[in-house]
Amino acid sequence: MNEDWYLSFQEKLDQHYAWPSLYIFKFIVPKGKEAELKQLFLLHTANEKTSKNGNYTSVTLQMMMPSSQAVIDVYKKISEIEGIVSL
């Protein structure tokens, strides 16, 4: 995603959240990439649900985030995982 998208997203986050705030991240990862995602969030508990055919896993994390920039930093970090979808 480009920087304009991140700036727009940050504005929306700041309009809807009072920081610090609990933020829910939801991702869909291809089979075999779950450990790569969880490695980025060692201190947090992830809820996982495998797709019907077992090809994907949906991962939900609730995290207390200090700012909208911290949320964006998480999205940028996980974007390096091949095939991940952020919801």
PDB file of N, CA and C in Angstrom:
ATOM      1  N   MET A   1       0.849  -1.180   0.000  1.00  0.00           N
ATOM      2  CA  MET A   1       0.000   0.000   0.000  1.00  0.00           C
ATOM      3  C   MET A   1       0.890   1.236   0.000  1.00  0.00           C
ATOM      4  N   ASN A   2       0.396   2.279  -0.593  1.00  0.00           N
ATOM      5  CA  ASN A   2       1.216   3.474  -0.693  1.00  0.00           C
ATOM      6  C   ASN A   2       0.999   4.397   0.512  1.00  0.00           C
ATOM      7  N   GLU A   3       1.866   5.383   0.621  1.00  0.00           N
ATOM      8  CA  GLU A   3       1.841   6.281   1.777  1.00  0.00           C
ATOM      9  C   GLU A   3       0.549   7.093   1.867  1.00  0.00           C
ATOM     10  N   ASP A   4      -0.044   7.440   0.725  1.00  0.00           N
ATOM     11  CA  ASP A   4      -1.309   8.186   0.758  1.00  0.00           C
ATOM     12  C   ASP A   4      -2.405   7.363   1.434  1.00  0.00           C
ATOM     13  N   TRP A   5      -2.421   6.062   1.149  1.00  0.00           N
ATOM     14  CA  TRP A   5      -3.413   5.192   1.773  1.00  0.00           C
ATOM     15  C   TRP A   5      -3.195   5.165   3.282  1.00  0.00           C
ATOM     16  N   TYR A   6      -1.942   5.040   3.707  1.00  0.00           N
ATOM     17  CA  TYR A   6      -1.639   5.005   5.142  1.00  0.00           C
ATOM     18  C   TYR A   6      -2.021   6.323   5.826  1.00  0.00           C
ATOM     19  N   LEU A   7      -1.778   7.444   5.166  1.00  0.00           N
ATOM     20  CA  LEU A   7      -2.151   8.738   5.745  1.00  0.00           C
ATOM     21  C   LEU A   7      -3.665   8.854   5.903  1.00  0.00           C
ATOM     22  N   SER A   8      -4.400   8.417   4.905  1.00  0.00           N
ATOM     23  CA  SER A   8      -5.862   8.432   4.972  1.00  0.00           C
ATOM     24  C   SER A   8      -6.360   7.507   6.079  1.00  0.00           C
ATOM     25  N   PHE A   9      -5.770   6.322   6.168  1.00  0.00           N
ATOM     26  CA  PHE A   9      -6.144   5.365   7.202  1.00  0.00           C
ATOM     27  C   PHE A   9      -5.851   5.926   8.590  1.00  0.00           C
ATOM     28  N   GLN A  10      -4.714   6.586   8.743  1.00  0.00           N
ATOM     29  CA  GLN A  10      -4.352   7.177  10.032  1.00  0.00           C
ATOM     30  C   GLN A  10      -5.349   8.253  10.444  1.00  0.00           C
ATOM     31  N   GLU A  11      -5.794   9.069   9.507  1.00  0.00           N
ATOM     32  CA  GLU A  11      -6.803  10.085   9.805  1.00  0.00           C
ATOM     33  C   GLU A  11      -8.094   9.437  10.287  1.00  0.00           C
ATOM     34  N   LYS A  12      -8.505   8.364   9.631  1.00  0.00           N
ATOM     35  CA  LYS A  12      -9.726   7.661  10.036  1.00  0.00           C
ATOM     36  C   LYS A  12      -9.572   7.031  11.411  1.00  0.00           C
ATOM     37  N   LEU A  13      -8.418   6.453  11.672  1.00  0.00           N
ATOM     38  CA  LEU A  13      -8.175   5.874  12.997  1.00  0.00           C
ATOM     39  C   LEU A  13      -8.277   6.951  14.080  1.00  0.00           C
ATOM     40  N   ASP A  14      -7.673   8.099  13.823  1.00  0.00           N
ATOM     41  CA  ASP A  14      -7.683   9.180  14.813  1.00  0.00           C
ATOM     42  C   ASP A  14      -9.084   9.753  15.021  1.00  0.00           C
ATOM     43  N   GLN A  15      -9.927   9.676  14.016  1.00  0.00           N
ATOM     44  CA  GLN A  15     -11.306  10.152  14.150  1.00  0.00           C
ATOM     45  C   GLN A  15     -12.157   9.199  14.986  1.00  0.00           C
ATOM     46  N   HIS A  16     -11.848   7.902  14.940  1.00  0.00           N
ATOM     47  CA  HIS A  16     -12.709   6.897  15.562  1.00  0.00           C
ATOM     48  C   HIS A  16     -12.177   6.327  16.880  1.00  0.00           C
ATOM     49  N   TYR A  17     -10.936   6.602  17.216  1.00  0.00           N
ATOM     50  CA  TYR A  17     -10.347   6.049  18.438  1.00  0.00           C
ATOM     51  C   TYR A  17      -9.750   7.165  19.287  1.00  0.00           C
ATOM     52  N   ALA A  18      -9.815   6.976  20.599  1.00  0.00           N
ATOM     53  CA  ALA A  18      -9.119   7.849  21.548  1.00  0.00           C
ATOM     54  C   ALA A  18      -7.925   7.039  22.062  1.00  0.00           C
ATOM     55  N   TRP A  19      -6.731   7.466  21.722  1.00  0.00           N
ATOM     56  CA  TRP A  19      -5.523   6.701  22.045  1.00  0.00           C
ATOM     57  C   TRP A  19      -5.046   6.987  23.452  1.00  0.00           C
ATOM     58  N   PRO A  20      -4.544   5.973  24.160  1.00  0.00           N
ATOM     59  CA  PRO A  20      -4.410   4.573  23.787  1.00  0.00           C
ATOM     60  C   PRO A  20      -5.775   3.889  23.743  1.00  0.00           C
ATOM     61  N   SER A  21      -5.861   2.824  22.937  1.00  0.00           N
ATOM     62  CA  SER A  21      -7.133   2.142  22.750  1.00  0.00           C
ATOM     63  C   SER A  21      -6.910   0.676  22.393  1.00  0.00           C
ATOM     64  N   LEU A  22      -7.899  -0.140  22.734  1.00  0.00           N
ATOM     65  CA  LEU A  22      -7.876  -1.541  22.334  1.00  0.00           C
ATOM     66  C   LEU A  22      -8.213  -1.610  20.848  1.00  0.00           C
ATOM     67  N   TYR A  23      -7.380  -2.284  20.081  1.00  0.00           N
ATOM     68  CA  TYR A  23      -7.580  -2.388  18.637  1.00  0.00           C
ATOM     69  C   TYR A  23      -7.593  -3.865  18.264  1.00  0.00           C
ATOM     70  N   ILE A  24      -8.500  -4.249  17.384  1.00  0.00           N
ATOM     71  CA  ILE A  24      -8.618  -5.635  16.946  1.00  0.00           C
ATOM     72  C   ILE A  24      -8.039  -5.760  15.540  1.00  0.00           C
ATOM     73  N   PHE A  25      -7.036  -6.607  15.421  1.00  0.00           N
ATOM     74  CA  PHE A  25      -6.428  -6.919  14.134  1.00  0.00           C
ATOM     75  C   PHE A  25      -6.994  -8.253  13.663  1.00  0.00           C
ATOM     76  N   LYS A  26      -7.315  -8.329  12.376  1.00  0.00           N
ATOM     77  CA  LYS A  26      -7.786  -9.582  11.785  1.00  0.00           C
ATOM     78  C   LYS A  26      -7.004  -9.816  10.501  1.00  0.00           C
ATOM     79  N   PHE A  27      -6.477 -11.028  10.394  1.00  0.00           N
ATOM     80  CA  PHE A  27      -5.682 -11.396   9.235  1.00  0.00           C
ATOM     81  C   PHE A  27      -6.119 -12.758   8.725  1.00  0.00           C
ATOM     82  N   ILE A  28      -5.906 -12.981   7.445  1.00  0.00           N
ATOM     83  CA  ILE A  28      -6.066 -14.302   6.852  1.00  0.00           C
ATOM     84  C   ILE A  28      -4.701 -14.667   6.277  1.00  0.00           C
ATOM     85  N   VAL A  29      -4.178 -15.811   6.733  1.00  0.00           N
ATOM     86  CA  VAL A  29      -2.856 -16.237   6.284  1.00  0.00           C
ATOM     87  C   VAL A  29      -2.947 -17.594   5.601  1.00  0.00           C
ATOM     88  N   PRO A  30      -2.140 -17.789   4.561  1.00  0.00           N
ATOM     89  CA  PRO A  30      -2.122 -19.088   3.898  1.00  0.00           C
ATOM     90  C   PRO A  30      -1.571 -20.159   4.839  1.00  0.00           C
ATOM     91  N   LYS A  31      -1.981 -21.386   4.598  1.00  0.00           N
ATOM     92  CA  LYS A  31      -1.503 -22.521   5.381  1.00  0.00           C
ATOM     93  C   LYS A  31       0.029 -22.514   5.395  1.00  0.00           C
ATOM     94  N   GLY A  32       0.598 -22.698   6.567  1.00  0.00           N
ATOM     95  CA  GLY A  32       2.045 -22.727   6.709  1.00  0.00           C
ATOM     96  C   GLY A  32       2.665 -21.389   7.075  1.00  0.00           C
ATOM     97  N   LYS A  33       1.893 -20.307   7.033  1.00  0.00           N
ATOM     98  CA  LYS A  33       2.414 -18.975   7.356  1.00  0.00           C
ATOM     99  C   LYS A  33       1.987 -18.518   8.759  1.00  0.00           C
ATOM    100  N   GLU A  34       1.230 -19.354   9.473  1.00  0.00           N
ATOM    101  CA  GLU A  34       0.720 -18.961  10.786  1.00  0.00           C
ATOM    102  C   GLU A  34       1.856 -18.653  11.766  1.00  0.00           C
ATOM    103  N   ALA A  35       2.868 -19.488  11.774  1.00  0.00           N
ATOM    104  CA  ALA A  35       3.989 -19.295  12.701  1.00  0.00           C
ATOM    105  C   ALA A  35       4.733 -17.996  12.404  1.00  0.00           C
ATOM    106  N   GLU A  36       4.855 -17.667  11.136  1.00  0.00           N
ATOM    107  CA  GLU A  36       5.531 -16.421  10.750  1.00  0.00           C
ATOM    108  C   GLU A  36       4.782 -15.215  11.296  1.00  0.00           C
ATOM    109  N   LEU A  37       3.449 -15.262  11.251  1.00  0.00           N
ATOM    110  CA  LEU A  37       2.646 -14.167  11.796  1.00  0.00           C
ATOM    111  C   LEU A  37       2.741 -14.133  13.319  1.00  0.00           C
ATOM    112  N   LYS A  38       2.565 -15.289  13.951  1.00  0.00           N
ATOM    113  CA  LYS A  38       2.589 -15.329  15.415  1.00  0.00           C
ATOM    114  C   LYS A  38       3.949 -14.928  15.981  1.00  0.00           C
ATOM    115  N   GLN A  39       5.012 -15.145  15.226  1.00  0.00           N
ATOM    116  CA  GLN A  39       6.355 -14.758  15.655  1.00  0.00           C
ATOM    117  C   GLN A  39       6.449 -13.244  15.878  1.00  0.00           C
ATOM    118  N   LEU A  40       5.631 -12.484  15.162  1.00  0.00           N
ATOM    119  CA  LEU A  40       5.642 -11.028  15.297  1.00  0.00           C
ATOM    120  C   LEU A  40       4.889 -10.559  16.546  1.00  0.00           C
ATOM    121  N   PHE A  41       4.086 -11.448  17.136  1.00  0.00           N
ATOM    122  CA  PHE A  41       3.235 -11.079  18.269  1.00  0.00           C
ATOM    123  C   PHE A  41       3.416 -12.055  19.429  1.00  0.00           C
ATOM    124  N   LEU A  42       4.639 -12.284  19.836  1.00  0.00           N
ATOM    125  CA  LEU A  42       4.934 -13.279  20.860  1.00  0.00           C
ATOM    126  C   LEU A  42       4.248 -13.006  22.193  1.00  0.00           C
ATOM    127  N   LEU A  43       4.025 -11.763  22.522  1.00  0.00           N
ATOM    128  CA  LEU A  43       3.441 -11.408  23.824  1.00  0.00           C
ATOM    129  C   LEU A  43       1.921 -11.362  23.809  1.00  0.00           C
ATOM    130  N   HIS A  44       1.310 -11.692  22.683  1.00  0.00           N
ATOM    131  CA  HIS A  44      -0.142 -11.591  22.551  1.00  0.00           C
ATOM    132  C   HIS A  44      -0.752 -12.945  22.187  1.00  0.00           C
ATOM    133  N   THR A  45      -1.953 -13.166  22.668  1.00  0.00           N
ATOM    134  CA  THR A  45      -2.671 -14.396  22.358  1.00  0.00           C
ATOM    135  C   THR A  45      -3.500 -14.186  21.096  1.00  0.00           C
ATOM    136  N   ALA A  46      -3.344 -15.088  20.170  1.00  0.00           N
ATOM    137  CA  ALA A  46      -4.085 -15.009  18.914  1.00  0.00           C
ATOM    138  C   ALA A  46      -5.179 -16.063  18.898  1.00  0.00           C
ATOM    139  N   ASN A  47      -6.352 -15.672  18.433  1.00  0.00           N
ATOM    140  CA  ASN A  47      -7.437 -16.620  18.191  1.00  0.00           C
ATOM    141  C   ASN A  47      -7.340 -17.041  16.730  1.00  0.00           C
ATOM    142  N   GLU A  48      -7.370 -18.341  16.496  1.00  0.00           N
ATOM    143  CA  GLU A  48      -7.215 -18.854  15.144  1.00  0.00           C
ATOM    144  C   GLU A  48      -8.395 -19.723  14.746  1.00  0.00           C
ATOM    145  N   LYS A  49      -8.715 -19.663  13.474  1.00  0.00           N
ATOM    146  CA  LYS A  49      -9.768 -20.517  12.925  1.00  0.00           C
ATOM    147  C   LYS A  49      -9.336 -20.925  11.517  1.00  0.00           C
ATOM    148  N   THR A  50      -9.277 -22.231  11.298  1.00  0.00           N
ATOM    149  CA  THR A  50      -8.866 -22.756  10.006  1.00  0.00           C
ATOM    150  C   THR A  50     -10.055 -22.762   9.052  1.00  0.00           C
ATOM    151  N   SER A  51      -9.778 -22.463   7.791  1.00  0.00           N
ATOM    152  CA  SER A  51     -10.837 -22.459   6.779  1.00  0.00           C
ATOM    153  C   SER A  51     -11.363 -23.871   6.550  1.00  0.00           C
ATOM    154  N   LYS A  52     -12.497 -23.954   5.917  1.00  0.00           N
ATOM    155  CA  LYS A  52     -13.170 -25.228   5.673  1.00  0.00           C
ATOM    156  C   LYS A  52     -12.259 -26.245   4.980  1.00  0.00           C
ATOM    157  N   ASN A  53     -11.527 -25.800   3.981  1.00  0.00           N
ATOM    158  CA  ASN A  53     -10.640 -26.692   3.240  1.00  0.00           C
ATOM    159  C   ASN A  53      -9.229 -26.766   3.824  1.00  0.00           C
ATOM    160  N   GLY A  54      -8.966 -25.981   4.870  1.00  0.00           N
ATOM    161  CA  GLY A  54      -7.663 -26.013   5.524  1.00  0.00           C
ATOM    162  C   GLY A  54      -6.566 -25.261   4.810  1.00  0.00           C
ATOM    163  N   ASN A  55      -6.924 -24.465   3.805  1.00  0.00           N
ATOM    164  CA  ASN A  55      -5.906 -23.732   3.048  1.00  0.00           C
ATOM    165  C   ASN A  55      -5.500 -22.411   3.700  1.00  0.00           C
ATOM    166  N   TYR A  56      -6.353 -21.882   4.561  1.00  0.00           N
ATOM    167  CA  TYR A  56      -6.108 -20.587   5.187  1.00  0.00           C
ATOM    168  C   TYR A  56      -6.466 -20.657   6.667  1.00  0.00           C
ATOM    169  N   THR A  57      -5.883 -19.727   7.421  1.00  0.00           N
ATOM    170  CA  THR A  57      -6.225 -19.579   8.825  1.00  0.00           C
ATOM    171  C   THR A  57      -6.553 -18.122   9.073  1.00  0.00           C
ATOM    172  N   SER A  58      -7.667 -17.876   9.750  1.00  0.00           N
ATOM    173  CA  SER A  58      -7.995 -16.515  10.155  1.00  0.00           C
ATOM    174  C   SER A  58      -7.431 -16.322  11.562  1.00  0.00           C
ATOM    175  N   VAL A  59      -6.748 -15.210  11.748  1.00  0.00           N
ATOM    176  CA  VAL A  59      -6.086 -14.900  13.017  1.00  0.00           C
ATOM    177  C   VAL A  59      -6.604 -13.560  13.516  1.00  0.00           C
ATOM    178  N   THR A  60      -7.070 -13.541  14.767  1.00  0.00           N
ATOM    179  CA  THR A  60      -7.567 -12.312  15.388  1.00  0.00           C
ATOM    180  C   THR A  60      -6.733 -12.021  16.631  1.00  0.00           C
ATOM    181  N   LEU A  61      -6.296 -10.789  16.746  1.00  0.00           N
ATOM    182  CA  LEU A  61      -5.519 -10.335  17.900  1.00  0.00           C
ATOM    183  C   LEU A  61      -6.139  -9.059  18.443  1.00  0.00           C
ATOM    184  N   GLN A  62      -6.285  -8.978  19.752  1.00  0.00           N
ATOM    185  CA  GLN A  62      -6.710  -7.743  20.405  1.00  0.00           C
ATOM    186  C   GLN A  62      -5.496  -7.186  21.131  1.00  0.00           C
ATOM    187  N   MET A  63      -5.156  -5.951  20.802  1.00  0.00           N
ATOM    188  CA  MET A  63      -3.968  -5.350  21.389  1.00  0.00           C
ATOM    189  C   MET A  63      -4.257  -3.926  21.830  1.00  0.00           C
ATOM    190  N   MET A  64      -3.689  -3.545  22.966  1.00  0.00           N
ATOM    191  CA  MET A  64      -3.772  -2.164  23.410  1.00  0.00           C
ATOM    192  C   MET A  64      -2.708  -1.395  22.632  1.00  0.00           C
ATOM    193  N   MET A  65      -3.168  -0.440  21.850  1.00  0.00           N
ATOM    194  CA  MET A  65      -2.266   0.317  20.990  1.00  0.00           C
ATOM    195  C   MET A  65      -2.149   1.753  21.498  1.00  0.00           C
ATOM    196  N   PRO A  66      -0.935   2.295  21.531  1.00  0.00           N
ATOM    197  CA  PRO A  66      -0.737   3.641  22.053  1.00  0.00           C
ATOM    198  C   PRO A  66      -1.142   4.757  21.099  1.00  0.00           C
ATOM    199  N   SER A  67      -1.152   4.453  19.781  1.00  0.00           N
ATOM    200  CA  SER A  67      -1.442   5.511  18.800  1.00  0.00           C
ATOM    201  C   SER A  67      -1.823   4.907  17.459  1.00  0.00           C
ATOM    202  N   SER A  68      -2.348   5.753  16.598  1.00  0.00           N
ATOM    203  CA  SER A  68      -2.679   5.306  15.241  1.00  0.00           C
ATOM    204  C   SER A  68      -1.409   4.920  14.486  1.00  0.00           C
ATOM    205  N   GLN A  69      -0.316   5.595  14.759  1.00  0.00           N
ATOM    206  CA  GLN A  69       0.948   5.262  14.090  1.00  0.00           C
ATOM    207  C   GLN A  69       1.405   3.857  14.475  1.00  0.00           C
ATOM    208  N   ALA A  70       1.175   3.457  15.718  1.00  0.00           N
ATOM    209  CA  ALA A  70       1.536   2.108  16.155  1.00  0.00           C
ATOM    210  C   ALA A  70       0.719   1.061  15.408  1.00  0.00           C
ATOM    211  N   VAL A  71      -0.559   1.344  15.159  1.00  0.00           N
ATOM    212  CA  VAL A  71      -1.418   0.434  14.388  1.00  0.00           C
ATOM    213  C   VAL A  71      -0.865   0.304  12.968  1.00  0.00           C
ATOM    214  N   ILE A  72      -0.540   1.404  12.359  1.00  0.00           N
ATOM    215  CA  ILE A  72      -0.008   1.404  11.001  1.00  0.00           C
ATOM    216  C   ILE A  72       1.320   0.650  10.946  1.00  0.00           C
ATOM    217  N   ASP A  73       2.148   0.807  11.969  1.00  0.00           N
ATOM    218  CA  ASP A  73       3.426   0.095  12.020  1.00  0.00           C
ATOM    219  C   ASP A  73       3.214  -1.414  12.020  1.00  0.00           C
ATOM    220  N   VAL A  74       2.173  -1.881  12.712  1.00  0.00           N
ATOM    221  CA  VAL A  74       1.854  -3.314  12.715  1.00  0.00           C
ATOM    222  C   VAL A  74       1.477  -3.762  11.308  1.00  0.00           C
ATOM    223  N   TYR A  75       0.598  -3.013  10.653  1.00  0.00           N
ATOM    224  CA  TYR A  75       0.188  -3.378   9.298  1.00  0.00           C
ATOM    225  C   TYR A  75       1.373  -3.392   8.330  1.00  0.00           C
ATOM    226  N   LYS A  76       2.280  -2.448   8.470  1.00  0.00           N
ATOM    227  CA  LYS A  76       3.458  -2.421   7.608  1.00  0.00           C
ATOM    228  C   LYS A  76       4.346  -3.633   7.871  1.00  0.00           C
ATOM    229  N   LYS A  77       4.486  -4.004   9.138  1.00  0.00           N
ATOM    230  CA  LYS A  77       5.321  -5.138   9.502  1.00  0.00           C
ATOM    231  C   LYS A  77       4.759  -6.445   8.940  1.00  0.00           C
ATOM    232  N   ILE A  78       3.453  -6.665   9.069  1.00  0.00           N
ATOM    233  CA  ILE A  78       2.884  -7.923   8.609  1.00  0.00           C
ATOM    234  C   ILE A  78       2.760  -7.973   7.086  1.00  0.00           C
ATOM    235  N   SER A  79       2.816  -6.829   6.431  1.00  0.00           N
ATOM    236  CA  SER A  79       2.691  -6.828   4.962  1.00  0.00           C
ATOM    237  C   SER A  79       3.848  -7.544   4.296  1.00  0.00           C
ATOM    238  N   GLU A  80       4.914  -7.832   5.045  1.00  0.00           N
ATOM    239  CA  GLU A  80       6.055  -8.544   4.504  1.00  0.00           C
ATOM    240  C   GLU A  80       5.790 -10.045   4.387  1.00  0.00           C
ATOM    241  N   ILE A  81       4.718 -10.533   5.014  1.00  0.00           N
ATOM    242  CA  ILE A  81       4.382 -11.955   4.957  1.00  0.00           C
ATOM    243  C   ILE A  81       3.663 -12.233   3.641  1.00  0.00           C
ATOM    244  N   GLU A  82       4.209 -13.117   2.872  1.00  0.00           N
ATOM    245  CA  GLU A  82       3.646 -13.437   1.549  1.00  0.00           C
ATOM    246  C   GLU A  82       2.254 -14.039   1.675  1.00  0.00           C
ATOM    247  N   GLY A  83       1.299 -13.471   0.937  1.00  0.00           N
ATOM    248  CA  GLY A  83      -0.045 -14.010   0.864  1.00  0.00           C
ATOM    249  C   GLY A  83      -0.992 -13.589   1.973  1.00  0.00           C
ATOM    250  N   ILE A  84      -0.547 -12.762   2.903  1.00  0.00           N
ATOM    251  CA  ILE A  84      -1.403 -12.356   4.024  1.00  0.00           C
ATOM    252  C   ILE A  84      -2.454 -11.353   3.538  1.00  0.00           C
ATOM    253  N   VAL A  85      -3.633 -11.434   4.139  1.00  0.00           N
ATOM    254  CA  VAL A  85      -4.707 -10.486   3.854  1.00  0.00           C
ATOM    255  C   VAL A  85      -5.091  -9.842   5.181  1.00  0.00           C
ATOM    256  N   SER A  86      -5.134  -8.534   5.215  1.00  0.00           N
ATOM    257  CA  SER A  86      -5.566  -7.801   6.406  1.00  0.00           C
ATOM    258  C   SER A  86      -7.030  -7.420   6.245  1.00  0.00           C
ATOM    259  N   LEU A  87      -7.792  -7.639   7.286  1.00  0.00           N
ATOM    260  CA  LEU A  87      -9.218  -7.291   7.240  1.00  0.00           C
ATOM    261  C   LEU A  87      -9.472  -6.075   8.114  1.00  0.00           C
TER     262      LEU A  87
END
